[in-house]
Structure formats: structure tokens, C-alpha cells
Amino acid sequence: KLREAGFIVPDGPVTGISEEFRIIKRQLLLAAKGNSKHPPLPGGERILICSAHPNEGKTFCALNLALSIAAEKDNEVLLVDADFAKPSILSSLGLEGSKGLMDALADPELSVEDCIIHTDIPGLTILPAGDQTNNDTEFLASSRTDYVLSQLTQNNPSRIVIFDSPPALSASR
């Protein structure tokens, strides 16, 4: 399914697109993890993929970047579908819907870790968008959001979190 949709294929042949995302991920991993010459950037393990308008390739880039980072032996990548109005990560991967980020924000009793879906691709996990509400923006602006996001990396220093966001100029969330 990944190959048919034009995505990077785990353990697949080296292609032009896999090389392009390999170049991008090297810089992002350096920012997140640092090295002997550069300390890690605070929050560098969180990567937001955004564009101004719909249909500019955010999900395509987020998923390919996640697949490329998942190929690394020392990292785990969590791909978060943060486009609550038009979530598409699960359908792109052929996965069924389940509780997700918005559910964890709305329900203090729900652990965000319990919403994560483990895929059959080593190193790749998914956090679905979750159920839509009429208060998505308010939940995202709440103090709980900082807590929930910190839970995504707090106990897993090898985790890189990639957010597939809504278009910046087409949504208030």
C-alpha cells in the first residue's frame, strides 16, 4: 500500500525520494539529539509539518519523514495526526480509527500512551487525531496540552514526535 501511494517503503530500494528524506532527517535528528559539537535543541524531538493551504503535501511529507526516521536503529518515531478536522494518517496507512490525541486532551482519565497504535513497521507508532469535538481549539489551548505532549517523550528519550498539522490559513485549530 505504501509503494502504491508513492511513500518510502521500509527496507525498500534507495529511491530519489528516500534520499531526499534521508537528507532532511539527518538535520532534524541532529537538532533533536545533538552531537559532540552541537547540543540538542530544547524541544527538538518535536517536529511540526505544516503548510499554508490544504493539499500541499503535509501528510505525504509527515509520513515519509516518519518512515525515514523509523528506519534509524536508535530512534522510535511517533506520527501524530493533529489535523482534527481532516485526519488522514490512519487511512493513508490502511489502519482503523481509535481513540487519539483529542480524546486524551478532553479526558484527564485517558492516558495518551493508551491511544498510540503500534504498526507492523519497526520503530513507527501512530497517535490518531481522535474524536472531533466542537471545542478542539479550546482543548489545544488548555494547560493539559503541555502535559499530554510532555508525556509523549518524557519516558522515551529515543522517541521523535512528528505532528501532521492542519493548514495554517484554513483552520483555527
N, C-alpha and C. Protein backbone atom coordinates (compact mmCIF):
# COMPACT_ATOMS: atom_id res chain seq x y z
N LYS A 1 0.83 -1.20 0.00
CA LYS A 1 0.00 0.00 0.00
C LYS A 1 0.88 1.26 0.00
N LEU A 2 1.97 1.23 0.77
CA LEU A 2 2.87 2.39 0.80
C LEU A 2 3.47 2.65 -0.58
N ARG A 3 3.95 1.60 -1.20
CA ARG A 3 4.58 1.73 -2.52
C ARG A 3 3.58 2.30 -3.53
N GLU A 4 2.36 1.78 -3.51
CA GLU A 4 1.32 2.23 -4.45
C GLU A 4 1.00 3.71 -4.28
N ALA A 5 1.10 4.20 -3.03
CA ALA A 5 0.78 5.59 -2.75
C ALA A 5 1.98 6.52 -2.92
N GLY A 6 3.13 5.96 -3.29
CA GLY A 6 4.31 6.79 -3.52
C GLY A 6 5.13 7.09 -2.29
N PHE A 7 4.90 6.35 -1.18
CA PHE A 7 5.64 6.57 0.04
C PHE A 7 6.93 5.75 0.06
N ILE A 8 7.82 6.12 0.96
CA ILE A 8 9.03 5.34 1.20
C ILE A 8 8.61 3.97 1.71
N VAL A 9 9.29 2.94 1.23
CA VAL A 9 8.98 1.57 1.65
C VAL A 9 10.08 1.09 2.59
N PRO A 10 9.72 0.70 3.82
CA PRO A 10 10.75 0.20 4.74
C PRO A 10 11.52 -0.95 4.11
N ASP A 11 12.84 -0.90 4.26
CA ASP A 11 13.74 -1.92 3.70
C ASP A 11 13.62 -2.03 2.18
N GLY A 12 13.04 -1.01 1.55
CA GLY A 12 12.90 -1.00 0.10
C GLY A 12 14.15 -0.45 -0.56
N PRO A 13 14.14 -0.39 -1.86
CA PRO A 13 15.31 0.13 -2.58
C PRO A 13 15.49 1.63 -2.34
N VAL A 14 16.72 2.07 -2.50
CA VAL A 14 17.01 3.50 -2.38
C VAL A 14 16.41 4.19 -3.60
N THR A 15 15.62 5.22 -3.33
CA THR A 15 14.99 5.98 -4.40
C THR A 15 15.33 7.45 -4.23
N GLY A 16 14.97 8.24 -5.20
CA GLY A 16 15.19 9.68 -5.10
C GLY A 16 14.50 10.27 -3.89
N ILE A 17 13.27 9.86 -3.67
CA ILE A 17 12.52 10.43 -2.54
C ILE A 17 13.07 9.95 -1.20
N SER A 18 13.50 8.69 -1.13
CA SER A 18 14.07 8.20 0.14
C SER A 18 15.36 8.94 0.46
N GLU A 19 16.15 9.27 -0.56
CA GLU A 19 17.38 10.04 -0.35
C GLU A 19 17.07 11.47 0.10
N GLU A 20 16.04 12.08 -0.49
CA GLU A 20 15.68 13.43 -0.08
C GLU A 20 15.26 13.48 1.38
N PHE A 21 14.47 12.50 1.80
CA PHE A 21 14.05 12.49 3.21
C PHE A 21 15.19 12.08 4.13
N ARG A 22 16.14 11.32 3.63
CA ARG A 22 17.33 10.97 4.42
C ARG A 22 18.13 12.24 4.73
N ILE A 23 18.27 13.12 3.75
CA ILE A 23 18.98 14.38 3.96
C ILE A 23 18.26 15.24 4.99
N ILE A 24 16.95 15.33 4.86
CA ILE A 24 16.16 16.14 5.81
C ILE A 24 16.25 15.57 7.22
N LYS A 25 16.11 14.25 7.35
CA LYS A 25 16.10 13.66 8.69
C LYS A 25 17.43 13.82 9.40
N ARG A 26 18.55 13.81 8.67
CA ARG A 26 19.85 13.98 9.32
C ARG A 26 19.90 15.30 10.09
N GLN A 27 19.44 16.38 9.48
CA GLN A 27 19.46 17.68 10.15
C GLN A 27 18.48 17.72 11.33
N LEU A 28 17.33 17.12 11.15
CA LEU A 28 16.34 17.10 12.23
C LEU A 28 16.81 16.25 13.40
N LEU A 29 17.43 15.12 13.14
CA LEU A 29 17.96 14.28 14.22
C LEU A 29 19.11 14.97 14.94
N LEU A 30 19.93 15.71 14.21
CA LEU A 30 20.99 16.49 14.84
C LEU A 30 20.40 17.52 15.78
N ALA A 31 19.35 18.20 15.35
CA ALA A 31 18.69 19.19 16.20
C ALA A 31 18.08 18.54 17.44
N ALA A 32 17.50 17.36 17.26
CA ALA A 32 16.83 16.68 18.37
C ALA A 32 17.80 16.03 19.34
N LYS A 33 18.82 15.42 18.82
CA LYS A 33 19.71 14.61 19.66
C LYS A 33 21.05 15.27 19.95
N GLY A 34 21.46 16.18 19.07
CA GLY A 34 22.76 16.81 19.23
C GLY A 34 23.89 15.84 18.90
N ASN A 35 25.12 16.35 19.05
CA ASN A 35 26.32 15.51 18.91
C ASN A 35 27.43 16.16 19.71
N SER A 36 28.66 15.72 19.50
CA SER A 36 29.77 16.25 20.31
C SER A 36 30.01 17.74 20.07
N LYS A 37 29.60 18.26 18.92
CA LYS A 37 29.82 19.68 18.61
C LYS A 37 28.59 20.55 18.86
N HIS A 38 27.40 19.94 18.84
CA HIS A 38 26.16 20.70 18.97
C HIS A 38 25.26 20.06 20.01
N PRO A 39 24.86 20.84 21.03
CA PRO A 39 23.90 20.27 21.98
C PRO A 39 22.52 20.15 21.34
N PRO A 40 21.68 19.26 21.86
CA PRO A 40 20.33 19.16 21.30
C PRO A 40 19.54 20.45 21.53
N LEU A 41 18.66 20.76 20.60
CA LEU A 41 17.79 21.92 20.78
C LEU A 41 16.66 21.57 21.73
N PRO A 42 16.31 22.46 22.65
CA PRO A 42 15.16 22.19 23.51
C PRO A 42 13.91 21.99 22.67
N GLY A 43 13.22 20.89 22.88
CA GLY A 43 12.01 20.59 22.10
C GLY A 43 12.31 20.10 20.71
N GLY A 44 13.57 19.85 20.39
CA GLY A 44 13.95 19.42 19.05
C GLY A 44 13.41 18.06 18.67
N GLU A 45 12.94 17.30 19.64
CA GLU A 45 12.36 15.98 19.35
C GLU A 45 10.92 16.09 18.86
N ARG A 46 10.38 17.30 18.84
CA ARG A 46 9.02 17.54 18.33
C ARG A 46 9.12 18.29 17.01
N ILE A 47 8.54 17.71 15.96
CA ILE A 47 8.62 18.29 14.62
C ILE A 47 7.21 18.51 14.09
N LEU A 48 6.93 19.73 13.68
CA LEU A 48 5.62 20.07 13.13
C LEU A 48 5.73 20.20 11.62
N ILE A 49 4.89 19.46 10.90
CA ILE A 49 4.81 19.57 9.45
C ILE A 49 3.57 20.40 9.14
N CYS A 50 3.77 21.54 8.50
CA CYS A 50 2.67 22.47 8.26
C CYS A 50 2.81 23.10 6.87
N SER A 51 1.71 23.61 6.39
CA SER A 51 1.72 24.42 5.16
C SER A 51 0.61 25.45 5.30
N ALA A 52 0.56 26.34 4.37
CA ALA A 52 -0.44 27.41 4.42
C ALA A 52 -1.83 26.92 4.05
N HIS A 53 -1.92 26.09 3.01
CA HIS A 53 -3.22 25.71 2.44
C HIS A 53 -3.38 24.20 2.37
N PRO A 54 -4.60 23.73 2.19
CA PRO A 54 -4.83 22.29 2.03
C PRO A 54 -4.17 21.75 0.76
N ASN A 55 -3.92 20.46 0.77
CA ASN A 55 -3.43 19.73 -0.41
C ASN A 55 -2.05 20.19 -0.89
N GLU A 56 -1.21 20.60 0.07
CA GLU A 56 0.15 21.00 -0.30
C GLU A 56 1.18 19.92 0.10
N GLY A 57 0.71 18.76 0.56
CA GLY A 57 1.61 17.64 0.80
C GLY A 57 2.07 17.44 2.23
N LYS A 58 1.37 18.01 3.19
CA LYS A 58 1.77 17.86 4.60
C LYS A 58 1.79 16.40 5.04
N THR A 59 0.72 15.69 4.79
CA THR A 59 0.63 14.30 5.21
C THR A 59 1.65 13.45 4.48
N PHE A 60 1.84 13.69 3.21
CA PHE A 60 2.84 12.97 2.42
C PHE A 60 4.23 13.17 3.04
N CYS A 61 4.57 14.41 3.36
CA CYS A 61 5.88 14.70 3.96
C CYS A 61 5.99 14.14 5.37
N ALA A 62 4.95 14.30 6.18
CA ALA A 62 4.99 13.80 7.55
C ALA A 62 5.17 12.28 7.57
N LEU A 63 4.43 11.58 6.75
CA LEU A 63 4.51 10.13 6.72
C LEU A 63 5.86 9.66 6.17
N ASN A 64 6.35 10.27 5.12
CA ASN A 64 7.65 9.88 4.59
C ASN A 64 8.78 10.19 5.56
N LEU A 65 8.70 11.32 6.24
CA LEU A 65 9.71 11.65 7.24
C LEU A 65 9.67 10.63 8.39
N ALA A 66 8.46 10.29 8.81
CA ALA A 66 8.31 9.29 9.88
C ALA A 66 8.89 7.94 9.44
N LEU A 67 8.61 7.53 8.22
CA LEU A 67 9.14 6.26 7.72
C LEU A 67 10.66 6.29 7.63
N SER A 68 11.20 7.42 7.23
CA SER A 68 12.65 7.55 7.13
C SER A 68 13.30 7.50 8.51
N ILE A 69 12.75 8.19 9.48
CA ILE A 69 13.31 8.18 10.83
C ILE A 69 13.13 6.81 11.48
N ALA A 70 12.01 6.15 11.20
CA ALA A 70 11.78 4.80 11.76
C ALA A 70 12.84 3.82 11.28
N ALA A 71 13.45 4.07 10.14
CA ALA A 71 14.49 3.19 9.62
C ALA A 71 15.78 3.29 10.44
N GLU A 72 15.91 4.35 11.23
CA GLU A 72 17.07 4.51 12.10
C GLU A 72 17.03 3.46 13.21
N LYS A 73 18.16 2.94 13.57
CA LYS A 73 18.20 1.86 14.57
C LYS A 73 18.05 2.36 16.00
N ASP A 74 18.37 3.61 16.26
CA ASP A 74 18.36 4.12 17.63
C ASP A 74 17.21 5.06 17.93
N ASN A 75 16.24 5.13 17.05
CA ASN A 75 15.12 6.04 17.26
C ASN A 75 13.80 5.34 17.06
N GLU A 76 12.82 5.85 17.76
CA GLU A 76 11.43 5.46 17.53
C GLU A 76 10.74 6.74 17.08
N VAL A 77 9.80 6.63 16.18
CA VAL A 77 9.08 7.81 15.74
C VAL A 77 7.59 7.62 16.00
N LEU A 78 7.00 8.66 16.54
CA LEU A 78 5.56 8.70 16.78
C LEU A 78 4.98 9.74 15.83
N LEU A 79 4.14 9.29 14.92
CA LEU A 79 3.48 10.19 13.98
C LEU A 79 2.11 10.54 14.54
N VAL A 80 1.90 11.82 14.79
CA VAL A 80 0.66 12.31 15.40
C VAL A 80 -0.19 12.97 14.34
N ASP A 81 -1.41 12.50 14.18
CA ASP A 81 -2.35 13.15 13.27
C ASP A 81 -3.01 14.28 14.05
N ALA A 82 -2.51 15.49 13.84
CA ALA A 82 -3.03 16.66 14.55
C ALA A 82 -3.96 17.49 13.67
N ASP A 83 -4.37 16.95 12.55
CA ASP A 83 -5.35 17.62 11.69
C ASP A 83 -6.72 17.09 12.08
N PHE A 84 -7.29 17.68 13.10
CA PHE A 84 -8.53 17.15 13.69
C PHE A 84 -9.73 17.27 12.76
N ALA A 85 -9.74 18.29 11.92
CA ALA A 85 -10.87 18.48 11.01
C ALA A 85 -10.83 17.50 9.84
N LYS A 86 -9.62 17.11 9.42
CA LYS A 86 -9.48 16.23 8.26
C LYS A 86 -8.33 15.25 8.49
N PRO A 87 -8.49 14.36 9.47
CA PRO A 87 -7.40 13.41 9.74
C PRO A 87 -7.24 12.43 8.59
N SER A 88 -5.98 12.10 8.26
CA SER A 88 -5.78 11.19 7.13
C SER A 88 -4.64 10.19 7.31
N ILE A 89 -3.94 10.26 8.42
CA ILE A 89 -2.81 9.34 8.64
C ILE A 89 -3.29 7.89 8.66
N LEU A 90 -4.33 7.60 9.42
CA LEU A 90 -4.81 6.21 9.52
C LEU A 90 -5.23 5.66 8.17
N SER A 91 -5.99 6.44 7.41
CA SER A 91 -6.43 5.95 6.11
C SER A 91 -5.26 5.80 5.14
N SER A 92 -4.25 6.66 5.26
CA SER A 92 -3.06 6.53 4.40
C SER A 92 -2.33 5.23 4.66
N LEU A 93 -2.39 4.75 5.89
CA LEU A 93 -1.72 3.51 6.26
C LEU A 93 -2.64 2.29 6.25
N GLY A 94 -3.92 2.52 5.97
CA GLY A 94 -4.87 1.41 5.96
C GLY A 94 -5.20 0.90 7.35
N LEU A 95 -5.17 1.79 8.35
CA LEU A 95 -5.45 1.41 9.73
C LEU A 95 -6.84 1.86 10.14
N GLU A 96 -7.40 1.18 11.12
CA GLU A 96 -8.71 1.53 11.65
C GLU A 96 -8.59 2.65 12.67
N GLY A 97 -9.65 3.43 12.80
CA GLY A 97 -9.69 4.52 13.75
C GLY A 97 -9.75 4.05 15.19
N SER A 98 -9.32 4.91 16.08
CA SER A 98 -9.38 4.61 17.51
C SER A 98 -9.26 5.92 18.28
N LYS A 99 -9.22 5.80 19.58
CA LYS A 99 -9.02 6.99 20.41
C LYS A 99 -7.71 7.63 20.03
N GLY A 100 -7.63 8.96 20.23
CA GLY A 100 -6.42 9.64 19.82
C GLY A 100 -6.12 10.87 20.66
N LEU A 101 -5.34 11.77 20.08
CA LEU A 101 -4.87 12.94 20.80
C LEU A 101 -6.01 13.77 21.38
N MET A 102 -7.04 14.05 20.59
CA MET A 102 -8.12 14.89 21.10
C MET A 102 -8.83 14.21 22.26
N ASP A 103 -8.97 12.90 22.22
CA ASP A 103 -9.59 12.18 23.33
C ASP A 103 -8.75 12.31 24.60
N ALA A 104 -7.43 12.22 24.46
CA ALA A 104 -6.54 12.35 25.61
C ALA A 104 -6.56 13.77 26.17
N LEU A 105 -6.74 14.77 25.30
CA LEU A 105 -6.84 16.15 25.78
C LEU A 105 -8.16 16.39 26.50
N ALA A 106 -9.22 15.79 25.99
CA ALA A 106 -10.56 16.02 26.54
C ALA A 106 -10.84 15.23 27.81
N ASP A 107 -10.16 14.10 27.99
CA ASP A 107 -10.44 13.20 29.11
C ASP A 107 -9.20 13.03 29.99
N PRO A 108 -9.13 13.71 31.13
CA PRO A 108 -7.97 13.60 32.01
C PRO A 108 -7.71 12.17 32.52
N GLU A 109 -8.71 11.32 32.44
CA GLU A 109 -8.55 9.94 32.89
C GLU A 109 -7.89 9.05 31.82
N LEU A 110 -7.82 9.54 30.59
CA LEU A 110 -7.28 8.75 29.48
C LEU A 110 -5.80 9.08 29.27
N SER A 111 -4.96 8.07 29.37
CA SER A 111 -3.53 8.25 29.12
C SER A 111 -3.28 8.33 27.62
N VAL A 112 -2.48 9.29 27.19
CA VAL A 112 -2.18 9.42 25.77
C VAL A 112 -1.44 8.18 25.26
N GLU A 113 -0.65 7.55 26.09
CA GLU A 113 0.08 6.34 25.68
C GLU A 113 -0.88 5.21 25.31
N ASP A 114 -2.05 5.20 25.95
CA ASP A 114 -3.05 4.16 25.64
C ASP A 114 -3.70 4.37 24.28
N CYS A 115 -3.51 5.53 23.69
CA CYS A 115 -4.10 5.84 22.38
C CYS A 115 -3.15 5.53 21.22
N ILE A 116 -1.91 5.22 21.52
CA ILE A 116 -0.90 5.01 20.49
C ILE A 116 -1.09 3.64 19.84
N ILE A 117 -1.01 3.63 18.51
CA ILE A 117 -1.14 2.40 17.72
C ILE A 117 0.25 1.95 17.28
N HIS A 118 0.58 0.72 17.56
CA HIS A 118 1.85 0.14 17.11
C HIS A 118 1.61 -0.46 15.73
N THR A 119 2.48 -0.13 14.79
CA THR A 119 2.33 -0.62 13.42
C THR A 119 3.23 -1.83 13.21
N ASP A 120 3.11 -2.44 12.05
CA ASP A 120 3.99 -3.56 11.71
C ASP A 120 5.31 -3.06 11.11
N ILE A 121 5.51 -1.76 11.11
CA ILE A 121 6.78 -1.17 10.67
C ILE A 121 7.62 -0.91 11.91
N PRO A 122 8.75 -1.58 12.05
CA PRO A 122 9.57 -1.38 13.24
C PRO A 122 9.93 0.09 13.45
N GLY A 123 9.75 0.56 14.68
CA GLY A 123 10.10 1.93 15.03
C GLY A 123 9.03 2.96 14.74
N LEU A 124 7.90 2.56 14.15
CA LEU A 124 6.85 3.53 13.80
C LEU A 124 5.58 3.27 14.61
N THR A 125 5.16 4.29 15.34
CA THR A 125 3.88 4.25 16.04
C THR A 125 3.06 5.46 15.59
N ILE A 126 1.76 5.34 15.80
CA ILE A 126 0.82 6.38 15.33
C ILE A 126 -0.06 6.82 16.49
N LEU A 127 -0.28 8.12 16.59
CA LEU A 127 -1.28 8.66 17.51
C LEU A 127 -2.36 9.30 16.64
N PRO A 128 -3.53 8.65 16.54
CA PRO A 128 -4.61 9.20 15.72
C PRO A 128 -5.09 10.55 16.25
N ALA A 129 -5.85 11.25 15.42
CA ALA A 129 -6.41 12.53 15.83
C ALA A 129 -7.44 12.35 16.94
N GLY A 130 -8.19 11.27 16.88
CA GLY A 130 -9.23 11.04 17.87
C GLY A 130 -10.56 11.61 17.43
N ASP A 131 -11.50 11.63 18.35
CA ASP A 131 -12.85 12.10 18.04
C ASP A 131 -12.88 13.62 17.91
N GLN A 132 -13.62 14.09 16.92
CA GLN A 132 -13.81 15.53 16.75
C GLN A 132 -14.72 16.06 17.85
N THR A 133 -14.46 17.29 18.26
CA THR A 133 -15.33 17.98 19.19
C THR A 133 -15.62 19.37 18.63
N ASN A 134 -16.51 20.07 19.27
CA ASN A 134 -16.75 21.47 18.88
C ASN A 134 -15.79 22.40 19.60
N ASN A 135 -14.93 21.84 20.45
CA ASN A 135 -14.01 22.64 21.25
C ASN A 135 -12.56 22.28 21.03
N ASP A 136 -12.22 21.82 19.83
CA ASP A 136 -10.83 21.40 19.56
C ASP A 136 -9.83 22.51 19.90
N THR A 137 -10.11 23.72 19.46
CA THR A 137 -9.19 24.83 19.69
C THR A 137 -9.01 25.09 21.18
N GLU A 138 -10.09 25.03 21.92
CA GLU A 138 -10.01 25.27 23.36
C GLU A 138 -9.22 24.17 24.07
N PHE A 139 -9.42 22.93 23.66
CA PHE A 139 -8.64 21.83 24.25
C PHE A 139 -7.16 22.00 23.94
N LEU A 140 -6.82 22.39 22.71
CA LEU A 140 -5.43 22.58 22.34
C LEU A 140 -4.78 23.73 23.10
N ALA A 141 -5.56 24.74 23.44
CA ALA A 141 -5.05 25.91 24.16
C ALA A 141 -4.99 25.68 25.67
N SER A 142 -5.49 24.57 26.14
CA SER A 142 -5.55 24.31 27.58
C SER A 142 -4.19 23.89 28.14
N SER A 143 -4.05 24.01 29.44
CA SER A 143 -2.81 23.60 30.11
C SER A 143 -2.58 22.10 29.99
N ARG A 144 -3.62 21.34 29.79
CA ARG A 144 -3.48 19.88 29.67
C ARG A 144 -2.65 19.50 28.44
N THR A 145 -2.70 20.32 27.39
CA THR A 145 -1.95 20.01 26.17
C THR A 145 -0.46 19.88 26.46
N ASP A 146 0.10 20.81 27.22
CA ASP A 146 1.52 20.75 27.55
C ASP A 146 1.84 19.46 28.30
N TYR A 147 0.99 19.10 29.23
CA TYR A 147 1.19 17.86 29.99
C TYR A 147 1.13 16.64 29.07
N VAL A 148 0.12 16.57 28.22
CA VAL A 148 -0.05 15.42 27.32
C VAL A 148 1.14 15.31 26.37
N LEU A 149 1.57 16.43 25.80
CA LEU A 149 2.70 16.39 24.88
C LEU A 149 3.99 15.99 25.59
N SER A 150 4.17 16.43 26.82
CA SER A 150 5.37 16.03 27.55
C SER A 150 5.37 14.53 27.84
N GLN A 151 4.18 13.95 27.99
CA GLN A 151 4.08 12.50 28.23
C GLN A 151 4.55 11.69 27.02
N LEU A 152 4.50 12.28 25.85
CA LEU A 152 4.89 11.57 24.64
C LEU A 152 6.39 11.30 24.57
N THR A 153 7.20 12.15 25.24
CA THR A 153 8.65 11.98 25.18
C THR A 153 9.31 11.79 26.53
N GLN A 154 8.61 12.09 27.59
CA GLN A 154 9.22 12.09 28.93
C GLN A 154 9.90 10.76 29.28
N ASN A 155 9.25 9.67 29.05
CA ASN A 155 9.80 8.37 29.42
C ASN A 155 10.42 7.62 28.26
N ASN A 156 10.61 8.30 27.15
CA ASN A 156 11.17 7.64 25.98
C ASN A 156 12.11 8.61 25.25
N PRO A 157 13.37 8.70 25.70
CA PRO A 157 14.30 9.67 25.11
C PRO A 157 14.67 9.39 23.66
N SER A 158 14.38 8.20 23.17
CA SER A 158 14.70 7.90 21.77
C SER A 158 13.54 8.22 20.84
N ARG A 159 12.44 8.73 21.37
CA ARG A 159 11.25 8.99 20.55
C ARG A 159 11.30 10.38 19.92
N ILE A 160 11.07 10.40 18.61
CA ILE A 160 10.89 11.64 17.86
C ILE A 160 9.39 11.72 17.55
N VAL A 161 8.79 12.88 17.79
CA VAL A 161 7.36 13.06 17.57
C VAL A 161 7.15 14.00 16.38
N ILE A 162 6.43 13.51 15.38
CA ILE A 162 6.13 14.30 14.19
C ILE A 162 4.64 14.59 14.18
N PHE A 163 4.29 15.86 14.06
CA PHE A 163 2.90 16.28 14.03
C PHE A 163 2.51 16.64 12.61
N ASP A 164 1.48 15.98 12.10
CA ASP A 164 0.87 16.33 10.81
C ASP A 164 -0.25 17.31 11.13
N SER A 165 -0.04 18.58 10.83
CA SER A 165 -0.95 19.62 11.28
C SER A 165 -1.97 20.01 10.21
N PRO A 166 -2.99 20.75 10.63
CA PRO A 166 -3.92 21.29 9.63
C PRO A 166 -3.24 22.46 8.90
N PRO A 167 -3.78 22.85 7.76
CA PRO A 167 -3.23 24.02 7.06
C PRO A 167 -3.34 25.27 7.93
N ALA A 168 -2.29 26.04 7.99
CA ALA A 168 -2.25 27.20 8.88
C ALA A 168 -3.28 28.26 8.54
N LEU A 169 -3.58 28.45 7.26
CA LEU A 169 -4.51 29.51 6.88
C LEU A 169 -5.94 29.01 6.64
N SER A 170 -6.17 27.76 6.91
CA SER A 170 -7.50 27.20 6.64
C SER A 170 -8.20 26.71 7.89
N ALA A 171 -7.60 26.89 9.05
CA ALA A 171 -8.21 26.38 10.27
C ALA A 171 -7.83 27.25 11.45
N SER A 172 -8.70 27.26 12.44
CA SER A 172 -8.39 28.00 13.66
C SER A 172 -7.81 27.07 14.72
N ARG A 173 -7.64 25.77 14.39
CA ARG A 173 -7.15 24.84 15.38
C ARG A 173 -5.75 24.40 15.07
